[in-house]
C-alpha atoms as a PDB file:
ATOM      1  CA  UNK A   1     -37.054  84.209  24.062  1.00  0.00           C
ATOM      2  CA  UNK A   2     -38.870  85.956  21.235  1.00  0.00           C
ATOM      3  CA  UNK A   3     -38.491  86.430  17.493  1.00  0.00           C
ATOM      4  CA  UNK A   4     -35.368  88.448  16.659  1.00  0.00           C
ATOM      5  CA  UNK A   5     -33.482  87.538  19.843  1.00  0.00           C
ATOM      6  CA  UNK A   6     -29.814  86.725  19.210  1.00  0.00           C
ATOM      7  CA  UNK A   7     -28.518  84.484  21.988  1.00  0.00           C
ATOM      8  CA  UNK A   8     -25.336  82.781  23.128  1.00  0.00           C
ATOM      9  CA  UNK A   9     -24.922  79.003  22.765  1.00  0.00           C
ATOM     10  CA  UNK A  10     -22.296  77.614  25.204  1.00  0.00           C
ATOM     11  CA  UNK A  11     -20.346  74.659  23.779  1.00  0.00           C
ATOM     12  CA  UNK A  12     -19.055  71.740  25.813  1.00  0.00           C
ATOM     13  CA  UNK A  13     -15.652  72.088  24.078  1.00  0.00           C
ATOM     14  CA  UNK A  14     -15.262  75.421  25.860  1.00  0.00           C
ATOM     15  CA  UNK A  15     -16.185  77.910  23.151  1.00  0.00           C
ATOM     16  CA  UNK A  16     -19.389  79.682  22.222  1.00  0.00           C
ATOM     17  CA  UNK A  17     -21.736  79.994  19.299  1.00  0.00           C
ATOM     18  CA  UNK A  18     -24.762  82.197  18.699  1.00  0.00           C
ATOM     19  CA  UNK A  19     -28.165  81.904  17.057  1.00  0.00           C
ATOM     20  CA  UNK A  20     -31.179  84.039  16.203  1.00  0.00           C
ATOM     21  CA  UNK A  21     -34.818  83.129  16.869  1.00  0.00           C
ATOM     22  CA  UNK A  22     -36.923  83.297  13.678  1.00  0.00           C
ATOM     23  CA  UNK A  23     -40.082  81.698  15.083  1.00  0.00           C
ATOM     24  CA  UNK A  24     -41.280  81.339  18.676  1.00  0.00           C
ATOM     25  CA  UNK A  25     -44.682  79.931  19.527  1.00  0.00           C
ATOM     26  CA  UNK A  26     -44.609  76.920  21.860  1.00  0.00           C
ATOM     27  CA  UNK A  27     -41.111  76.144  20.564  1.00  0.00           C
ATOM     28  CA  UNK A  28     -38.152  77.845  18.897  1.00  0.00           C
ATOM     29  CA  UNK A  29     -36.895  77.831  15.319  1.00  0.00           C
ATOM     30  CA  UNK A  30     -33.422  79.318  15.026  1.00  0.00           C
ATOM     31  CA  UNK A  31     -30.674  80.112  12.553  1.00  0.00           C
ATOM     32  CA  UNK A  32     -27.079  79.683  13.715  1.00  0.00           C
ATOM     33  CA  UNK A  33     -24.341  82.294  13.334  1.00  0.00           C
ATOM     34  CA  UNK A  34     -21.470  81.226  11.082  1.00  0.00           C
ATOM     35  CA  UNK A  35     -18.835  81.847  13.724  1.00  0.00           C
ATOM     36  CA  UNK A  36     -17.486  80.462  16.985  1.00  0.00           C
ATOM     37  CA  UNK A  37     -15.868  82.445  19.784  1.00  0.00           C
ATOM     38  CA  UNK A  38     -13.354  81.512  22.497  1.00  0.00           C
ATOM     39  CA  UNK A  39     -15.204  83.717  25.025  1.00  0.00           C
ATOM     40  CA  UNK A  40     -18.865  84.732  25.170  1.00  0.00           C
ATOM     41  CA  UNK A  41     -19.660  87.016  22.225  1.00  0.00           C
ATOM     42  CA  UNK A  42     -20.945  90.546  22.794  1.00  0.00           C
ATOM     43  CA  UNK A  43     -23.830  92.291  21.097  1.00  0.00           C
ATOM     44  CA  UNK A  44     -21.302  93.980  18.810  1.00  0.00           C
ATOM     45  CA  UNK A  45     -19.903  90.581  17.756  1.00  0.00           C
ATOM     46  CA  UNK A  46     -23.286  89.497  16.391  1.00  0.00           C
ATOM     47  CA  UNK A  47     -24.452  92.856  15.039  1.00  0.00           C
ATOM     48  CA  UNK A  48     -23.869  91.527  11.519  1.00  0.00           C
ATOM     49  CA  UNK A  49     -25.457  88.091  11.459  1.00  0.00           C
ATOM     50  CA  UNK A  50     -24.300  85.597   8.829  1.00  0.00           C
ATOM     51  CA  UNK A  51     -26.011  82.184   8.783  1.00  0.00           C
ATOM     52  CA  UNK A  52     -24.019  78.978   9.217  1.00  0.00           C
ATOM     53  CA  UNK A  53     -24.182  76.370   6.403  1.00  0.00           C
ATOM     54  CA  UNK A  54     -25.480  72.863   7.093  1.00  0.00           C
ATOM     55  CA  UNK A  55     -23.558  70.834   9.671  1.00  0.00           C
ATOM     56  CA  UNK A  56     -20.811  68.305   8.967  1.00  0.00           C
ATOM     57  CA  UNK A  57     -20.482  69.232   5.285  1.00  0.00           C
ATOM     58  CA  UNK A  58     -24.002  68.131   4.359  1.00  0.00           C
ATOM     59  CA  UNK A  59     -25.353  69.085   0.932  1.00  0.00           C
ATOM     60  CA  UNK A  60     -28.686  70.931   0.819  1.00  0.00           C
ATOM     61  CA  UNK A  61     -31.604  69.581  -1.186  1.00  0.00           C
ATOM     62  CA  UNK A  62     -31.958  70.986  -4.718  1.00  0.00           C
ATOM     63  CA  UNK A  63     -33.290  74.533  -4.540  1.00  0.00           C
ATOM     64  CA  UNK A  64     -32.954  74.710  -0.739  1.00  0.00           C
ATOM     65  CA  UNK A  65     -30.599  77.214   0.930  1.00  0.00           C
ATOM     66  CA  UNK A  66     -27.384  75.935   2.483  1.00  0.00           C
ATOM     67  CA  UNK A  67     -28.331  77.176   5.945  1.00  0.00           C
ATOM     68  CA  UNK A  68     -28.479  75.476   9.330  1.00  0.00           C
ATOM     69  CA  UNK A  69     -31.989  75.903  10.682  1.00  0.00           C
ATOM     70  CA  UNK A  70     -32.780  74.202  13.971  1.00  0.00           C
ATOM     71  CA  UNK A  71     -35.843  73.569  16.120  1.00  0.00           C
ATOM     72  CA  UNK A  72     -36.167  72.750  19.804  1.00  0.00           C
ATOM     73  CA  UNK A  73     -38.729  73.202  22.534  1.00  0.00           C
ATOM     74  CA  UNK A  74     -38.816  73.030  26.292  1.00  0.00           C
ATOM     75  CA  UNK A  75     -36.971  75.108  28.846  1.00  0.00           C
ATOM     76  CA  UNK A  76     -34.268  77.484  27.610  1.00  0.00           C
ATOM     77  CA  UNK A  77     -31.199  77.264  29.910  1.00  0.00           C
ATOM     78  CA  UNK A  78     -30.168  80.430  31.741  1.00  0.00           C
ATOM     79  CA  UNK A  79     -26.736  80.471  30.078  1.00  0.00           C
ATOM     80  CA  UNK A  80     -28.383  80.890  26.647  1.00  0.00           C
ATOM     81  CA  UNK A  81     -28.059  84.638  27.263  1.00  0.00           C
ATOM     82  CA  UNK A  82     -29.913  86.982  24.897  1.00  0.00           C
ATOM     83  CA  UNK A  83     -27.484  89.593  23.536  1.00  0.00           C
ATOM     84  CA  UNK A  84     -29.834  91.765  21.506  1.00  0.00           C
ATOM     85  CA  UNK A  85     -33.043  91.782  19.517  1.00  0.00           C
ATOM     86  CA  UNK A  86     -32.985  92.730  15.866  1.00  0.00           C
ATOM     87  CA  UNK A  87     -35.515  92.763  13.018  1.00  0.00           C
ATOM     88  CA  UNK A  88     -35.384  89.681  10.824  1.00  0.00           C
ATOM     89  CA  UNK A  89     -34.153  90.144   7.280  1.00  0.00           C
ATOM     90  CA  UNK A  90     -36.414  89.187   4.378  1.00  0.00           C
ATOM     91  CA  UNK A  91     -34.214  86.109   3.854  1.00  0.00           C
ATOM     92  CA  UNK A  92     -34.578  85.062   7.498  1.00  0.00           C
ATOM     93  CA  UNK A  93     -38.354  85.551   7.407  1.00  0.00           C
ATOM     94  CA  UNK A  94     -38.546  83.346   4.301  1.00  0.00           C
ATOM     95  CA  UNK A  95     -37.017  80.438   6.235  1.00  0.00           C
ATOM     96  CA  UNK A  96     -39.672  80.246   8.947  1.00  0.00           C
ATOM     97  CA  UNK A  97     -41.384  77.162   7.485  1.00  0.00           C
ATOM     98  CA  UNK A  98     -40.726  73.572   8.529  1.00  0.00           C
ATOM     99  CA  UNK A  99     -38.841  72.618   5.361  1.00  0.00           C
ATOM    100  CA  UNK A 100     -35.146  71.919   5.906  1.00  0.00           C
ATOM    101  CA  UNK A 101     -35.348  72.159   9.703  1.00  0.00           C
ATOM    102  CA  UNK A 102     -33.017  70.060  11.867  1.00  0.00           C
ATOM    103  CA  UNK A 103     -34.988  68.860  14.908  1.00  0.00           C
ATOM    104  CA  UNK A 104     -33.194  68.751  18.260  1.00  0.00           C
ATOM    105  CA  UNK A 105     -34.409  66.997  21.398  1.00  0.00           C
ATOM    106  CA  UNK A 106     -33.846  70.059  23.568  1.00  0.00           C
ATOM    107  CA  UNK A 107     -31.846  73.267  23.833  1.00  0.00           C
ATOM    108  CA  UNK A 108     -28.975  71.286  25.360  1.00  0.00           C
ATOM    109  CA  UNK A 109     -29.079  68.757  22.520  1.00  0.00           C
ATOM    110  CA  UNK A 110     -28.875  71.700  20.090  1.00  0.00           C
ATOM    111  CA  UNK A 111     -25.793  72.984  21.936  1.00  0.00           C
ATOM    112  CA  UNK A 112     -24.166  69.519  22.019  1.00  0.00           C
ATOM    113  CA  UNK A 113     -24.600  69.160  18.265  1.00  0.00           C
ATOM    114  CA  UNK A 114     -23.031  72.582  17.630  1.00  0.00           C
ATOM    115  CA  UNK A 115     -20.161  71.547  19.885  1.00  0.00           C
ATOM    116  CA  UNK A 116     -19.669  68.386  17.812  1.00  0.00           C
ATOM    117  CA  UNK A 117     -19.641  70.518  14.658  1.00  0.00           C
ATOM    118  CA  UNK A 118     -16.959  72.770  16.168  1.00  0.00           C
ATOM    119  CA  UNK A 119     -14.900  69.674  16.947  1.00  0.00           C
ATOM    120  CA  UNK A 120     -15.488  68.270  13.428  1.00  0.00           C
ATOM    121  CA  UNK A 121     -14.470  71.593  11.832  1.00  0.00           C
ATOM    122  CA  UNK A 122     -11.365  72.253  13.916  1.00  0.00           C
ATOM    123  CA  UNK A 123      -9.972  68.745  14.557  1.00  0.00           C
ATOM    124  CA  UNK A 124     -11.800  66.283  12.335  1.00  0.00           C
ATOM    125  CA  UNK A 125      -9.451  63.348  12.966  1.00  0.00           C
ATOM    126  CA  UNK A 126      -9.928  63.641  16.734  1.00  0.00           C
ATOM    127  CA  UNK A 127     -13.678  64.032  16.314  1.00  0.00           C
ATOM    128  CA  UNK A 128     -13.963  60.923  14.133  1.00  0.00           C
ATOM    129  CA  UNK A 129     -11.796  58.919  16.562  1.00  0.00           C
ATOM    130  CA  UNK A 130     -14.013  60.012  19.457  1.00  0.00           C
ATOM    131  CA  UNK A 131     -17.125  59.122  17.447  1.00  0.00           C
ATOM    132  CA  UNK A 132     -15.714  55.665  16.710  1.00  0.00           C
ATOM    133  CA  UNK A 133     -15.047  55.133  20.429  1.00  0.00           C
ATOM    134  CA  UNK A 134     -18.596  56.170  21.331  1.00  0.00           C
ATOM    135  CA  UNK A 135     -20.096  53.859  18.718  1.00  0.00           C
ATOM    136  CA  UNK A 136     -17.911  50.969  19.915  1.00  0.00           C
ATOM    137  CA  UNK A 137     -18.951  51.517  23.553  1.00  0.00           C
ATOM    138  CA  UNK A 138     -22.616  51.654  22.571  1.00  0.00           C
ATOM    139  CA  UNK A 139     -22.395  48.505  20.433  1.00  0.00           C
ATOM    140  CA  UNK A 140     -20.575  46.623  23.193  1.00  0.00           C
ATOM    141  CA  UNK A 141     -23.186  47.627  25.768  1.00  0.00           C
ATOM    142  CA  UNK A 142     -26.028  46.649  23.417  1.00  0.00           C
ATOM    143  CA  UNK A 143     -24.423  43.273  22.670  1.00  0.00           C
ATOM    144  CA  UNK A 144     -24.063  42.558  26.394  1.00  0.00           C
ATOM    145  CA  UNK A 145     -27.657  43.624  26.988  1.00  0.00           C
ATOM    146  CA  UNK A 146     -29.050  41.394  24.242  1.00  0.00           C
ATOM    147  CA  UNK A 147     -26.947  38.441  25.370  1.00  0.00           C
ATOM    148  CA  UNK A 148     -28.646  38.450  28.763  1.00  0.00           C
ATOM    149  CA  UNK A 149     -32.052  39.658  27.628  1.00  0.00           C
ATOM    150  CA  UNK A 150     -35.078  38.192  29.407  1.00  0.00           C
ATOM    151  CA  UNK A 151     -38.517  39.341  30.465  1.00  0.00           C
ATOM    152  CA  UNK A 152     -37.152  39.844  33.963  1.00  0.00           C
ATOM    153  CA  UNK A 153     -34.198  41.935  32.770  1.00  0.00           C
ATOM    154  CA  UNK A 154     -36.494  44.094  30.624  1.00  0.00           C
ATOM    155  CA  UNK A 155     -38.722  44.605  33.654  1.00  0.00           C
ATOM    156  CA  UNK A 156     -35.750  46.079  35.542  1.00  0.00           C
ATOM    157  CA  UNK A 157     -34.604  48.459  32.806  1.00  0.00           C
ATOM    158  CA  UNK A 158     -34.993  52.243  33.049  1.00  0.00           C
ATOM    159  CA  UNK A 159     -35.946  52.439  29.387  1.00  0.00           C
ATOM    160  CA  UNK A 160     -36.828  55.516  27.280  1.00  0.00           C
ATOM    161  CA  UNK A 161     -34.544  57.661  29.469  1.00  0.00           C
ATOM    162  CA  UNK A 162     -33.821  60.066  26.588  1.00  0.00           C
ATOM    163  CA  UNK A 163     -37.509  61.027  26.471  1.00  0.00           C
ATOM    164  CA  UNK A 164     -37.004  63.108  29.615  1.00  0.00           C
ATOM    165  CA  UNK A 165     -35.427  65.865  27.485  1.00  0.00           C
ATOM    166  CA  UNK A 166     -38.548  66.132  25.316  1.00  0.00           C
ATOM    167  CA  UNK A 167     -41.629  65.183  27.329  1.00  0.00           C
ATOM    168  CA  UNK A 168     -43.124  65.834  30.775  1.00  0.00           C
ATOM    169  CA  UNK A 169     -42.246  63.316  33.462  1.00  0.00           C
ATOM    170  CA  UNK A 170     -45.817  62.060  33.695  1.00  0.00           C
ATOM    171  CA  UNK A 171     -45.783  61.058  29.996  1.00  0.00           C
ATOM    172  CA  UNK A 172     -42.585  59.058  30.483  1.00  0.00           C
ATOM    173  CA  UNK A 173     -44.030  57.450  33.610  1.00  0.00           C
ATOM    174  CA  UNK A 174     -47.153  56.397  31.705  1.00  0.00           C
ATOM    175  CA  UNK A 175     -45.146  54.984  28.781  1.00  0.00           C
ATOM    176  CA  UNK A 176     -43.053  52.929  31.174  1.00  0.00           C
ATOM    177  CA  UNK A 177     -46.162  51.769  33.034  1.00  0.00           C
ATOM    178  CA  UNK A 178     -47.684  50.469  29.799  1.00  0.00           C
ATOM    179  CA  UNK A 179     -44.653  48.297  29.126  1.00  0.00           C
ATOM    180  CA  UNK A 180     -44.155  47.265  32.749  1.00  0.00           C
ATOM    181  CA  UNK A 181     -47.742  46.033  33.038  1.00  0.00           C
ATOM    182  CA  UNK A 182     -47.438  44.165  29.731  1.00  0.00           C
ATOM    183  CA  UNK A 183     -44.146  42.536  30.759  1.00  0.00           C
ATOM    184  CA  UNK A 184     -45.635  41.365  34.062  1.00  0.00           C
ATOM    185  CA  UNK A 185     -48.560  39.827  32.148  1.00  0.00           C
ATOM    186  CA  UNK A 186     -46.195  38.079  29.715  1.00  0.00           C
ATOM    187  CA  UNK A 187     -44.241  36.592  32.628  1.00  0.00           C
ATOM    188  CA  UNK A 188     -47.515  35.294  34.072  1.00  0.00           C
ATOM    189  CA  UNK A 189     -48.444  33.751  30.704  1.00  0.00           C
ATOM    190  CA  UNK A 190     -45.102  32.022  30.276  1.00  0.00           C
ATOM    191  CA  UNK A 191     -46.465  28.839  31.817  1.00  0.00           C
ATOM    192  CA  UNK A 192     -49.637  27.680  30.108  1.00  0.00           C
ATOM    193  CA  UNK A 193     -50.369  30.863  28.197  1.00  0.00           C
ATOM    194  CA  UNK A 194     -51.419  30.531  24.565  1.00  0.00           C
ATOM    195  CA  UNK A 195     -50.019  32.469  21.610  1.00  0.00           C
ATOM    196  CA  UNK A 196     -53.386  34.209  21.283  1.00  0.00           C
ATOM    197  CA  UNK A 197     -53.313  35.412  24.888  1.00  0.00           C
ATOM    198  CA  UNK A 198     -49.752  36.683  24.447  1.00  0.00           C
ATOM    199  CA  UNK A 199     -50.777  38.483  21.240  1.00  0.00           C
ATOM    200  CA  UNK A 200     -53.603  40.188  23.125  1.00  0.00           C
ATOM    201  CA  UNK A 201     -51.038  41.658  25.533  1.00  0.00           C
ATOM    202  CA  UNK A 202     -49.331  43.349  22.590  1.00  0.00           C
ATOM    203  CA  UNK A 203     -52.660  44.611  21.278  1.00  0.00           C
ATOM    204  CA  UNK A 204     -53.214  46.237  24.674  1.00  0.00           C
ATOM    205  CA  UNK A 205     -49.783  47.911  24.422  1.00  0.00           C
ATOM    206  CA  UNK A 206     -50.726  49.383  21.048  1.00  0.00           C
ATOM    207  CA  UNK A 207     -54.153  50.507  22.261  1.00  0.00           C
ATOM    208  CA  UNK A 208     -52.629  52.142  25.337  1.00  0.00           C
ATOM    209  CA  UNK A 209     -50.126  54.084  23.226  1.00  0.00           C
ATOM    210  CA  UNK A 210     -52.919  55.041  20.815  1.00  0.00           C
ATOM    211  CA  UNK A 211     -54.707  56.599  23.773  1.00  0.00           C
ATOM    212  CA  UNK A 212     -51.569  58.296  25.054  1.00  0.00           C
ATOM    213  CA  UNK A 213     -50.816  59.666  21.592  1.00  0.00           C
ATOM    214  CA  UNK A 214     -54.351  60.969  21.114  1.00  0.00           C
ATOM    215  CA  UNK A 215     -54.280  62.667  24.514  1.00  0.00           C
ATOM    216  CA  UNK A 216     -50.751  64.112  24.477  1.00  0.00           C
ATOM    217  CA  UNK A 217     -49.199  63.847  20.998  1.00  0.00           C
ATOM    218  CA  UNK A 218     -46.382  61.967  22.719  1.00  0.00           C
ATOM    219  CA  UNK A 219     -45.336  59.595  19.948  1.00  0.00           C
ATOM    220  CA  UNK A 220     -43.150  61.151  17.262  1.00  0.00           C
ATOM    221  CA  UNK A 221     -40.713  59.356  14.954  1.00  0.00           C
ATOM    222  CA  UNK A 222     -38.006  58.683  17.573  1.00  0.00           C
ATOM    223  CA  UNK A 223     -40.491  57.468  20.155  1.00  0.00           C
ATOM    224  CA  UNK A 224     -42.331  55.324  17.596  1.00  0.00           C
ATOM    225  CA  UNK A 225     -39.134  53.525  16.595  1.00  0.00           C
ATOM    226  CA  UNK A 226     -38.190  52.873  20.213  1.00  0.00           C
ATOM    227  CA  UNK A 227     -41.666  51.606  21.125  1.00  0.00           C
ATOM    228  CA  UNK A 228     -41.749  49.243  18.152  1.00  0.00           C
ATOM    229  CA  UNK A 229     -38.219  48.033  18.911  1.00  0.00           C
ATOM    230  CA  UNK A 230     -39.212  47.209  22.488  1.00  0.00           C
ATOM    231  CA  UNK A 231     -42.335  45.405  21.278  1.00  0.00           C
ATOM    232  CA  UNK A 232     -40.149  43.392  18.877  1.00  0.00           C
ATOM    233  CA  UNK A 233     -37.803  42.422  21.724  1.00  0.00           C
ATOM    234  CA  UNK A 234     -40.626  41.374  24.033  1.00  0.00           C
ATOM    235  CA  UNK A 235     -42.291  39.408  21.251  1.00  0.00           C
ATOM    236  CA  UNK A 236     -39.111  37.478  20.461  1.00  0.00           C
ATOM    237  CA  UNK A 237     -38.824  36.440  24.117  1.00  0.00           C
ATOM    238  CA  UNK A 238     -42.309  34.877  24.095  1.00  0.00           C
ATOM    239  CA  UNK A 239     -42.156  33.134  20.734  1.00  0.00           C
ATOM    240  CA  UNK A 240     -43.895  35.815  18.641  1.00  0.00           C
ATOM    241  CA  UNK A 241     -42.725  38.250  15.984  1.00  0.00           C
ATOM    242  CA  UNK A 242     -43.916  41.524  14.514  1.00  0.00           C
ATOM    243  CA  UNK A 243     -43.308  40.704  10.844  1.00  0.00           C
ATOM    244  CA  UNK A 244     -45.409  42.968   8.604  1.00  0.00           C
ATOM    245  CA  UNK A 245     -46.518  44.757  11.796  1.00  0.00           C
ATOM    246  CA  UNK A 246     -48.934  41.989  12.665  1.00  0.00           C
ATOM    247  CA  UNK A 247     -48.647  42.954  16.341  1.00  0.00           C
ATOM    248  CA  UNK A 248     -48.662  46.737  15.831  1.00  0.00           C
ATOM    249  CA  UNK A 249     -50.843  47.239  12.760  1.00  0.00           C
ATOM    250  CA  UNK A 250     -53.616  48.884  14.812  1.00  0.00           C
ATOM    251  CA  UNK A 251     -51.375  51.743  15.934  1.00  0.00           C
ATOM    252  CA  UNK A 252     -52.386  55.337  15.159  1.00  0.00           C
ATOM    253  CA  UNK A 253     -48.928  56.779  15.843  1.00  0.00           C
END
């Protein structure tokens, strides 16, 4: 897709939205049309493009426009059909910067979020009930996981699965390898290993991710939080803690 392309966004609830590309380099910055359709819109349906306000009734920052601006990168699905290309308005050109941009993990994540907004707009009670059920399922699964957490169980986990939407497979493989190798070493140090030796394992994790970050740019805010959380969990299992980032203070990400 290129700047000025207006494209269809299929929703999992069965309807359709649309958006226009306002910036396209290695990724896409888009503005969303303030309308949903029961069937795929035509070029005539989006000839007059009006921007959607922020999602879920959010309030814009002082002085910022009340406009949904999204960003995603990666492969664009085939069903994101381009309907037409049109020149950007002066207002649309002015919104090309990073300020006020909602970051999505992928094109599909962008579509899922629009689908949730449709549900929130058209049947808020049902949407909130579904959200409560999803949160409850997640919390139950996390509680069960933590109850049986061990070095061995962490070694078996297919962790960081959500990274697959954002990063090449080889980056995910390397991130998992870093933690797998460290977990194996911590298991070996469980009998007779000193606190210093265990701490050195965590230093190696940080150094490895420093290298991966420098080489690929892999670690952004979501990844950083998940890496640190996993380090915290491993540390707790071997009698260490990461208070004041004493295990991760050498990180560059």
